[in-house]
Amino acid sequence: MDRIKSAKHIAAFSIVLPAVAMLVWPSSVWLLVLFMLWFAAAAAIWIRSERREHAKQLALTIHSLQAAGMRTLNHHRHDWMNDLQVLYGYTRMQKPDKTVEYVEKIRAKMLIESQISKLGEPALVSYIQGFRTLTSSLELKVDIEQDLNLNELPLASTEIAEALIGIMNSYRLAVKPGFGEVAVLTLVLDWDGQQLHVAFELEGELIDEQQLKDQINQQLKGAALQAVDIEHPQEEIRLKAEKRA
């Protein structure tokens, strides 16, 4: 990547020499032709370098997404294996009541996963589904009052998704790591037909509550989400997004 940037800079600065020559001998036709050819060559090098840089960035992005997807899939596979082992154990011990109870637990978990996948914003869905791969100090739970597709609501869905991801990431970095119970962050989403109501509820300790509050305020600057109550992020913050006219 550095070599590509160097080639771009060299191509750009190389134009200075013929440009200076043109200023010294403005009436020289051959210098004008040379300058035009030089400029065209420098532009071609610049464009080619830009394309290479974009191609490398795209390849890195794709690789990063693939790696994140593999980590998420591995976590889900691990969960499925655990569920199967528990069900197999209950079946072998002939405990139908426990089996039914655990199946209902799996069903509730799958319902939440389905609601998350229907949120409509790919970046938000991917972040939530892959959250467990990012940290072992904070567990993320999601409570969606009804099936929501942010893209189908009269809201600035992309801006809202970006703000939600930013806030969740701030919480992830602000939680105090410990050796006891894992902290739990619950994201609550509810649409009442006029507003999207958002809440973040934390069960755990923060490294610095004021610092997290400042970061949340920064995330909300110019965002579609508005603060309702963010005084105590250690416990709960509430946000809202107004329906667009």
C-alpha atoms as a PDB file:
ATOM      1  CA  MET A   1       0.000   0.000   0.000  1.00  0.00           C
ATOM      2  CA  ASP A   2       2.884   2.383   0.824  1.00  0.00           C
ATOM      3  CA  ARG A   3       4.509   1.670  -2.531  1.00  0.00           C
ATOM      4  CA  ILE A   4       1.271   2.539  -4.313  1.00  0.00           C
ATOM      5  CA  LYS A   5       1.004   5.823  -2.400  1.00  0.00           C
ATOM      6  CA  SER A   6       4.644   6.607  -3.182  1.00  0.00           C
ATOM      7  CA  ALA A   7       4.015   6.038  -6.892  1.00  0.00           C
ATOM      8  CA  LYS A   8       1.050   8.428  -6.758  1.00  0.00           C
ATOM      9  CA  HIS A   9       3.081  11.118  -5.000  1.00  0.00           C
ATOM     10  CA  ILE A  10       6.028  10.748  -7.373  1.00  0.00           C
ATOM     11  CA  ALA A  11       3.687  11.014 -10.359  1.00  0.00           C
ATOM     12  CA  ALA A  12       2.076  14.140  -8.917  1.00  0.00           C
ATOM     13  CA  PHE A  13       5.330  15.892  -8.005  1.00  0.00           C
ATOM     14  CA  SER A  14       6.972  14.975 -11.304  1.00  0.00           C
ATOM     15  CA  ILE A  15       4.676  17.456 -13.067  1.00  0.00           C
ATOM     16  CA  VAL A  16       6.497  20.301 -11.296  1.00  0.00           C
ATOM     17  CA  LEU A  17       9.592  20.016 -13.526  1.00  0.00           C
ATOM     18  CA  PRO A  18       7.866  20.477 -16.918  1.00  0.00           C
ATOM     19  CA  ALA A  19       5.561  23.081 -15.371  1.00  0.00           C
ATOM     20  CA  VAL A  20       8.565  25.171 -14.277  1.00  0.00           C
ATOM     21  CA  ALA A  21      10.096  24.765 -17.732  1.00  0.00           C
ATOM     22  CA  MET A  22       6.864  26.053 -19.268  1.00  0.00           C
ATOM     23  CA  LEU A  23       7.041  29.149 -17.068  1.00  0.00           C
ATOM     24  CA  VAL A  24      10.660  29.793 -18.064  1.00  0.00           C
ATOM     25  CA  TRP A  25      10.108  29.214 -21.796  1.00  0.00           C
ATOM     26  CA  PRO A  26       6.390  29.876 -22.328  1.00  0.00           C
ATOM     27  CA  SER A  27       6.704  30.232 -26.117  1.00  0.00           C
ATOM     28  CA  SER A  28       8.354  26.849 -26.669  1.00  0.00           C
ATOM     29  CA  VAL A  29       6.021  24.561 -28.611  1.00  0.00           C
ATOM     30  CA  TRP A  30       7.985  21.385 -27.932  1.00  0.00           C
ATOM     31  CA  LEU A  31       7.891  22.114 -24.190  1.00  0.00           C
ATOM     32  CA  LEU A  32       4.118  22.466 -24.395  1.00  0.00           C
ATOM     33  CA  VAL A  33       3.872  19.105 -26.149  1.00  0.00           C
ATOM     34  CA  LEU A  34       6.248  17.558 -23.592  1.00  0.00           C
ATOM     35  CA  PHE A  35       4.224  19.010 -20.730  1.00  0.00           C
ATOM     36  CA  MET A  36       0.972  17.610 -22.125  1.00  0.00           C
ATOM     37  CA  LEU A  37       2.508  14.164 -22.625  1.00  0.00           C
ATOM     38  CA  TRP A  38       4.090  14.270 -19.163  1.00  0.00           C
ATOM     39  CA  PHE A  39       0.814  15.344 -17.594  1.00  0.00           C
ATOM     40  CA  ALA A  40      -1.073  12.545 -19.380  1.00  0.00           C
ATOM     41  CA  ALA A  41       1.487   9.959 -18.237  1.00  0.00           C
ATOM     42  CA  ALA A  42       1.366  11.218 -14.633  1.00  0.00           C
ATOM     43  CA  ALA A  43      -2.439  11.149 -14.697  1.00  0.00           C
ATOM     44  CA  ALA A  44      -2.393   7.586 -16.035  1.00  0.00           C
ATOM     45  CA  ILE A  45      -0.005   6.497 -13.265  1.00  0.00           C
ATOM     46  CA  TRP A  46      -2.169   8.232 -10.653  1.00  0.00           C
ATOM     47  CA  ILE A  47      -5.379   6.573 -11.918  1.00  0.00           C
ATOM     48  CA  ARG A  48      -3.718   3.167 -12.117  1.00  0.00           C
ATOM     49  CA  SER A  49      -2.346   3.539  -8.585  1.00  0.00           C
ATOM     50  CA  GLU A  50      -5.781   4.610  -7.313  1.00  0.00           C
ATOM     51  CA  ARG A  51      -7.374   1.524  -8.838  1.00  0.00           C
ATOM     52  CA  ARG A  52      -4.739  -0.731  -7.310  1.00  0.00           C
ATOM     53  CA  GLU A  53      -5.186   0.907  -3.915  1.00  0.00           C
ATOM     54  CA  HIS A  54      -8.970   0.526  -4.066  1.00  0.00           C
ATOM     55  CA  ALA A  55      -8.610  -3.104  -5.166  1.00  0.00           C
ATOM     56  CA  LYS A  56      -6.319  -3.850  -2.205  1.00  0.00           C
ATOM     57  CA  GLN A  57      -8.640  -2.078   0.220  1.00  0.00           C
ATOM     58  CA  LEU A  58     -11.599  -4.023  -1.164  1.00  0.00           C
ATOM     59  CA  ALA A  59      -9.691  -7.293  -0.819  1.00  0.00           C
ATOM     60  CA  LEU A  60      -8.793  -6.460   2.795  1.00  0.00           C
ATOM     61  CA  THR A  61     -12.410  -5.538   3.562  1.00  0.00           C
ATOM     62  CA  ILE A  62     -13.710  -8.766   2.032  1.00  0.00           C
ATOM     63  CA  HIS A  63     -11.127 -10.797   3.966  1.00  0.00           C
ATOM     64  CA  SER A  64     -12.087  -9.025   7.199  1.00  0.00           C
ATOM     65  CA  LEU A  65     -15.793  -9.697   6.613  1.00  0.00           C
ATOM     66  CA  GLN A  66     -15.113 -13.331   5.780  1.00  0.00           C
ATOM     67  CA  ALA A  67     -13.021 -13.763   8.926  1.00  0.00           C
ATOM     68  CA  ALA A  68     -15.723 -12.121  11.056  1.00  0.00           C
ATOM     69  CA  GLY A  69     -18.360 -14.341   9.446  1.00  0.00           C
ATOM     70  CA  MET A  70     -16.303 -17.458  10.178  1.00  0.00           C
ATOM     71  CA  ARG A  71     -15.842 -16.454  13.822  1.00  0.00           C
ATOM     72  CA  THR A  72     -19.570 -15.808  14.195  1.00  0.00           C
ATOM     73  CA  LEU A  73     -20.437 -19.112  12.525  1.00  0.00           C
ATOM     74  CA  ASN A  74     -18.036 -20.975  14.813  1.00  0.00           C
ATOM     75  CA  HIS A  75     -19.677 -19.440  17.876  1.00  0.00           C
ATOM     76  CA  HIS A  76     -23.136 -20.411  16.614  1.00  0.00           C
ATOM     77  CA  ARG A  77     -21.912 -23.926  15.821  1.00  0.00           C
ATOM     78  CA  HIS A  78     -20.533 -24.192  19.361  1.00  0.00           C
ATOM     79  CA  ASP A  79     -23.905 -23.099  20.777  1.00  0.00           C
ATOM     80  CA  TRP A  80     -25.772 -25.615  18.610  1.00  0.00           C
ATOM     81  CA  MET A  81     -23.493 -28.437  19.753  1.00  0.00           C
ATOM     82  CA  ASN A  82     -24.055 -27.481  23.392  1.00  0.00           C
ATOM     83  CA  ASP A  83     -27.826 -27.434  22.867  1.00  0.00           C
ATOM     84  CA  LEU A  84     -27.746 -30.849  21.191  1.00  0.00           C
ATOM     85  CA  GLN A  85     -25.650 -32.297  24.005  1.00  0.00           C
ATOM     86  CA  VAL A  86     -28.056 -30.964  26.647  1.00  0.00           C
ATOM     87  CA  LEU A  87     -31.096 -32.322  24.777  1.00  0.00           C
ATOM     88  CA  TYR A  88     -29.364 -35.654  24.268  1.00  0.00           C
ATOM     89  CA  GLY A  89     -28.594 -35.817  27.985  1.00  0.00           C
ATOM     90  CA  TYR A  90     -32.183 -35.091  29.004  1.00  0.00           C
ATOM     91  CA  THR A  91     -33.431 -37.680  26.508  1.00  0.00           C
ATOM     92  CA  ARG A  92     -31.094 -40.373  27.806  1.00  0.00           C
ATOM     93  CA  MET A  93     -32.094 -39.597  31.394  1.00  0.00           C
ATOM     94  CA  GLN A  94     -35.749 -39.805  30.321  1.00  0.00           C
ATOM     95  CA  LYS A  95     -36.659 -36.333  31.565  1.00  0.00           C
ATOM     96  CA  PRO A  96     -39.375 -35.183  29.136  1.00  0.00           C
ATOM     97  CA  ASP A  97     -40.280 -32.126  31.225  1.00  0.00           C
ATOM     98  CA  LYS A  98     -36.695 -30.860  31.142  1.00  0.00           C
ATOM     99  CA  THR A  99     -36.499 -31.641  27.435  1.00  0.00           C
ATOM    100  CA  VAL A 100     -39.626 -29.620  26.650  1.00  0.00           C
ATOM    101  CA  GLU A 101     -38.420 -26.759  28.855  1.00  0.00           C
ATOM    102  CA  TYR A 102     -35.061 -26.657  27.078  1.00  0.00           C
ATOM    103  CA  VAL A 103     -36.683 -26.832  23.641  1.00  0.00           C
ATOM    104  CA  GLU A 104     -38.769 -23.785  24.587  1.00  0.00           C
ATOM    105  CA  LYS A 105     -35.582 -22.029  25.633  1.00  0.00           C
ATOM    106  CA  ILE A 106     -34.035 -22.793  22.233  1.00  0.00           C
ATOM    107  CA  ARG A 107     -37.217 -21.631  20.517  1.00  0.00           C
ATOM    108  CA  ALA A 108     -37.106 -18.282  22.370  1.00  0.00           C
ATOM    109  CA  LYS A 109     -33.447 -17.860  21.424  1.00  0.00           C
ATOM    110  CA  MET A 110     -34.186 -18.595  17.767  1.00  0.00           C
ATOM    111  CA  LEU A 111     -37.047 -16.070  17.826  1.00  0.00           C
ATOM    112  CA  ILE A 112     -34.647 -13.350  18.994  1.00  0.00           C
ATOM    113  CA  GLU A 113     -32.128 -14.353  16.309  1.00  0.00           C
ATOM    114  CA  SER A 114     -34.895 -14.113  13.715  1.00  0.00           C
ATOM    115  CA  GLN A 115     -35.909 -10.643  14.934  1.00  0.00           C
ATOM    116  CA  ILE A 116     -32.295  -9.479  14.792  1.00  0.00           C
ATOM    117  CA  SER A 117     -31.865 -10.735  11.226  1.00  0.00           C
ATOM    118  CA  LYS A 118     -34.990  -8.803  10.194  1.00  0.00           C
ATOM    119  CA  LEU A 119     -33.712  -5.417  11.425  1.00  0.00           C
ATOM    120  CA  GLY A 120     -32.859  -4.564   7.829  1.00  0.00           C
ATOM    121  CA  GLU A 121     -29.529  -2.786   8.286  1.00  0.00           C
ATOM    122  CA  PRO A 122     -26.737  -5.234   7.324  1.00  0.00           C
ATOM    123  CA  ALA A 123     -24.038  -3.472   9.359  1.00  0.00           C
ATOM    124  CA  LEU A 124     -26.185  -3.476  12.506  1.00  0.00           C
ATOM    125  CA  VAL A 125     -27.275  -7.101  12.053  1.00  0.00           C
ATOM    126  CA  SER A 126     -23.688  -8.258  11.471  1.00  0.00           C
ATOM    127  CA  TYR A 127     -22.389  -6.313  14.475  1.00  0.00           C
ATOM    128  CA  ILE A 128     -25.014  -7.737  16.838  1.00  0.00           C
ATOM    129  CA  GLN A 129     -24.615 -11.294  15.571  1.00  0.00           C
ATOM    130  CA  GLY A 130     -20.835 -11.105  15.822  1.00  0.00           C
ATOM    131  CA  PHE A 131     -20.669  -9.245  19.135  1.00  0.00           C
ATOM    132  CA  ARG A 132     -19.577 -12.329  21.074  1.00  0.00           C
ATOM    133  CA  THR A 133     -16.478 -12.600  18.902  1.00  0.00           C
ATOM    134  CA  LEU A 134     -15.367  -9.102  19.945  1.00  0.00           C
ATOM    135  CA  THR A 135     -15.281  -9.435  23.726  1.00  0.00           C
ATOM    136  CA  SER A 136     -15.572 -11.889  26.577  1.00  0.00           C
ATOM    137  CA  SER A 137     -16.204  -9.172  29.184  1.00  0.00           C
ATOM    138  CA  LEU A 138     -19.655  -8.120  27.993  1.00  0.00           C
ATOM    139  CA  GLU A 139     -22.681 -10.128  26.888  1.00  0.00           C
ATOM    140  CA  LEU A 140     -25.137  -8.442  24.542  1.00  0.00           C
ATOM    141  CA  LYS A 141     -28.846  -9.190  24.748  1.00  0.00           C
ATOM    142  CA  VAL A 142     -31.483  -7.764  22.422  1.00  0.00           C
ATOM    143  CA  ASP A 143     -35.126  -7.142  23.310  1.00  0.00           C
ATOM    144  CA  ILE A 144     -37.252  -6.181  20.299  1.00  0.00           C
ATOM    145  CA  GLU A 145     -40.834  -5.414  21.269  1.00  0.00           C
ATOM    146  CA  GLN A 146     -42.123  -6.367  17.839  1.00  0.00           C
ATOM    147  CA  ASP A 147     -40.688  -7.380  14.478  1.00  0.00           C
ATOM    148  CA  LEU A 148     -38.806  -4.355  13.166  1.00  0.00           C
ATOM    149  CA  ASN A 149     -37.270  -3.600   9.797  1.00  0.00           C
ATOM    150  CA  LEU A 150     -35.595  -0.222  10.147  1.00  0.00           C
ATOM    151  CA  ASN A 151     -35.423   0.198   6.368  1.00  0.00           C
ATOM    152  CA  GLU A 152     -39.212  -0.027   6.117  1.00  0.00           C
ATOM    153  CA  LEU A 153     -39.833   2.672   8.729  1.00  0.00           C
ATOM    154  CA  PRO A 154     -39.884   6.435   8.041  1.00  0.00           C
ATOM    155  CA  LEU A 155     -36.529   6.840   9.773  1.00  0.00           C
ATOM    156  CA  ALA A 156     -32.929   7.619   8.866  1.00  0.00           C
ATOM    157  CA  SER A 157     -32.172   3.923   9.336  1.00  0.00           C
ATOM    158  CA  THR A 158     -28.513   3.955   8.275  1.00  0.00           C
ATOM    159  CA  GLU A 159     -27.657   6.849  10.612  1.00  0.00           C
ATOM    160  CA  ILE A 160     -29.534   5.141  13.452  1.00  0.00           C
ATOM    161  CA  ALA A 161     -27.675   1.876  12.821  1.00  0.00           C
ATOM    162  CA  GLU A 162     -24.314   3.669  12.840  1.00  0.00           C
ATOM    163  CA  ALA A 163     -25.156   5.417  16.129  1.00  0.00           C
ATOM    164  CA  LEU A 164     -26.308   2.161  17.749  1.00  0.00           C
ATOM    165  CA  ILE A 165     -23.120   0.382  16.680  1.00  0.00           C
ATOM    166  CA  GLY A 166     -21.017   3.265  17.996  1.00  0.00           C
ATOM    167  CA  ILE A 167     -22.765   3.229  21.376  1.00  0.00           C
ATOM    168  CA  MET A 168     -22.512  -0.555  21.732  1.00  0.00           C
ATOM    169  CA  ASN A 169     -18.834  -0.352  20.891  1.00  0.00           C
ATOM    170  CA  SER A 170     -18.356   2.391  23.498  1.00  0.00           C
ATOM    171  CA  TYR A 171     -20.002   0.185  26.127  1.00  0.00           C
ATOM    172  CA  ARG A 172     -17.825  -2.750  25.047  1.00  0.00           C
ATOM    173  CA  LEU A 173     -14.661  -0.753  25.677  1.00  0.00           C
ATOM    174  CA  ALA A 174     -15.961   0.925  28.848  1.00  0.00           C
ATOM    175  CA  VAL A 175     -16.959  -2.170  30.813  1.00  0.00           C
ATOM    176  CA  LYS A 176     -14.604  -3.101  33.618  1.00  0.00           C
ATOM    177  CA  PRO A 177     -13.153  -6.551  32.957  1.00  0.00           C
ATOM    178  CA  GLY A 178     -13.545  -8.959  35.828  1.00  0.00           C
ATOM    179  CA  PHE A 179     -13.254 -12.573  36.842  1.00  0.00           C
ATOM    180  CA  GLY A 180     -16.781 -12.894  38.226  1.00  0.00           C
ATOM    181  CA  GLU A 181     -20.051 -12.700  36.365  1.00  0.00           C
ATOM    182  CA  VAL A 182     -19.901 -11.276  32.869  1.00  0.00           C
ATOM    183  CA  ALA A 183     -21.498  -7.841  32.473  1.00  0.00           C
ATOM    184  CA  VAL A 184     -24.714  -7.807  30.444  1.00  0.00           C
ATOM    185  CA  LEU A 185     -25.831  -5.042  28.090  1.00  0.00           C
ATOM    186  CA  THR A 186     -29.436  -5.203  26.886  1.00  0.00           C
ATOM    187  CA  LEU A 187     -30.496  -3.275  23.791  1.00  0.00           C
ATOM    188  CA  VAL A 188     -34.236  -2.559  23.737  1.00  0.00           C
ATOM    189  CA  LEU A 189     -35.953  -1.423  20.533  1.00  0.00           C
ATOM    190  CA  ASP A 190     -39.606  -0.408  20.260  1.00  0.00           C
ATOM    191  CA  TRP A 191     -41.531   1.379  17.484  1.00  0.00           C
ATOM    192  CA  ASP A 192     -44.814   3.030  18.488  1.00  0.00           C
ATOM    193  CA  GLY A 193     -45.794   4.284  15.037  1.00  0.00           C
ATOM    194  CA  GLN A 194     -44.333   7.749  15.581  1.00  0.00           C
ATOM    195  CA  GLN A 195     -41.002   7.221  17.316  1.00  0.00           C
ATOM    196  CA  LEU A 196     -38.354   4.560  17.683  1.00  0.00           C
ATOM    197  CA  HIS A 197     -37.619   4.120  21.372  1.00  0.00           C
ATOM    198  CA  VAL A 198     -34.177   2.810  22.268  1.00  0.00           C
ATOM    199  CA  ALA A 199     -32.786   1.811  25.635  1.00  0.00           C
ATOM    200  CA  PHE A 200     -29.459   0.410  26.770  1.00  0.00           C
ATOM    201  CA  GLU A 201     -29.608  -1.349  30.139  1.00  0.00           C
ATOM    202  CA  LEU A 202     -26.361  -2.389  31.805  1.00  0.00           C
ATOM    203  CA  GLU A 203     -25.760  -4.955  34.504  1.00  0.00           C
ATOM    204  CA  GLY A 204     -22.114  -4.555  35.377  1.00  0.00           C
ATOM    205  CA  GLU A 205     -19.427  -2.026  36.244  1.00  0.00           C
ATOM    206  CA  LEU A 206     -17.813   0.660  34.127  1.00  0.00           C
ATOM    207  CA  ILE A 207     -14.218   1.825  34.146  1.00  0.00           C
ATOM    208  CA  ASP A 208     -15.290   5.485  33.937  1.00  0.00           C
ATOM    209  CA  GLU A 209     -18.987   6.401  33.709  1.00  0.00           C
ATOM    210  CA  GLN A 210     -18.362  10.054  32.817  1.00  0.00           C
ATOM    211  CA  GLN A 211     -16.030   9.101  29.994  1.00  0.00           C
ATOM    212  CA  LEU A 212     -18.666   6.751  28.561  1.00  0.00           C
ATOM    213  CA  LYS A 213     -21.282   9.486  28.866  1.00  0.00           C
ATOM    214  CA  ASP A 214     -19.037  11.869  26.913  1.00  0.00           C
ATOM    215  CA  GLN A 215     -18.490   9.238  24.223  1.00  0.00           C
ATOM    216  CA  ILE A 216     -22.239   8.630  23.899  1.00  0.00           C
ATOM    217  CA  ASN A 217     -22.838  12.373  23.550  1.00  0.00           C
ATOM    218  CA  GLN A 218     -20.196  12.417  20.821  1.00  0.00           C
ATOM    219  CA  GLN A 219     -21.910   9.524  19.031  1.00  0.00           C
ATOM    220  CA  LEU A 220     -25.229  11.392  19.106  1.00  0.00           C
ATOM    221  CA  LYS A 221     -23.885  14.627  17.596  1.00  0.00           C
ATOM    222  CA  GLY A 222     -25.674  15.125  14.303  1.00  0.00           C
ATOM    223  CA  ALA A 223     -27.203  11.639  14.537  1.00  0.00           C
ATOM    224  CA  ALA A 224     -30.830  10.723  13.931  1.00  0.00           C
ATOM    225  CA  LEU A 225     -31.002   9.409  17.499  1.00  0.00           C
ATOM    226  CA  GLN A 226     -31.755  11.919  20.245  1.00  0.00           C
ATOM    227  CA  ALA A 227     -30.996  11.627  23.938  1.00  0.00           C
ATOM    228  CA  VAL A 228     -33.941  11.247  26.297  1.00  0.00           C
ATOM    229  CA  ASP A 229     -31.955  10.330  29.408  1.00  0.00           C
ATOM    230  CA  ILE A 230     -28.248   9.530  29.348  1.00  0.00           C
ATOM    231  CA  GLU A 231     -27.301  10.718  32.826  1.00  0.00           C
ATOM    232  CA  HIS A 232     -26.483   7.267  34.188  1.00  0.00           C
ATOM    233  CA  PRO A 233     -25.034   4.942  31.530  1.00  0.00           C
ATOM    234  CA  GLN A 234     -23.906   2.742  34.430  1.00  0.00           C
ATOM    235  CA  GLU A 235     -27.574   1.733  34.749  1.00  0.00           C
ATOM    236  CA  GLU A 236     -29.637   2.769  31.719  1.00  0.00           C
ATOM    237  CA  ILE A 237     -29.814   5.306  28.917  1.00  0.00           C
ATOM    238  CA  ARG A 238     -32.871   6.074  26.808  1.00  0.00           C
ATOM    239  CA  LEU A 239     -32.903   7.458  23.274  1.00  0.00           C
ATOM    240  CA  LYS A 240     -35.449   8.131  20.568  1.00  0.00           C
ATOM    241  CA  ALA A 241     -35.667   8.725  16.829  1.00  0.00           C
ATOM    242  CA  GLU A 242     -38.469  10.866  15.446  1.00  0.00           C
ATOM    243  CA  LYS A 243     -40.541   9.848  12.446  1.00  0.00           C
ATOM    244  CA  ARG A 244     -39.392  11.687   9.328  1.00  0.00           C
ATOM    245  CA  ALA A 245     -41.867  14.075   7.731  1.00  0.00           C
END
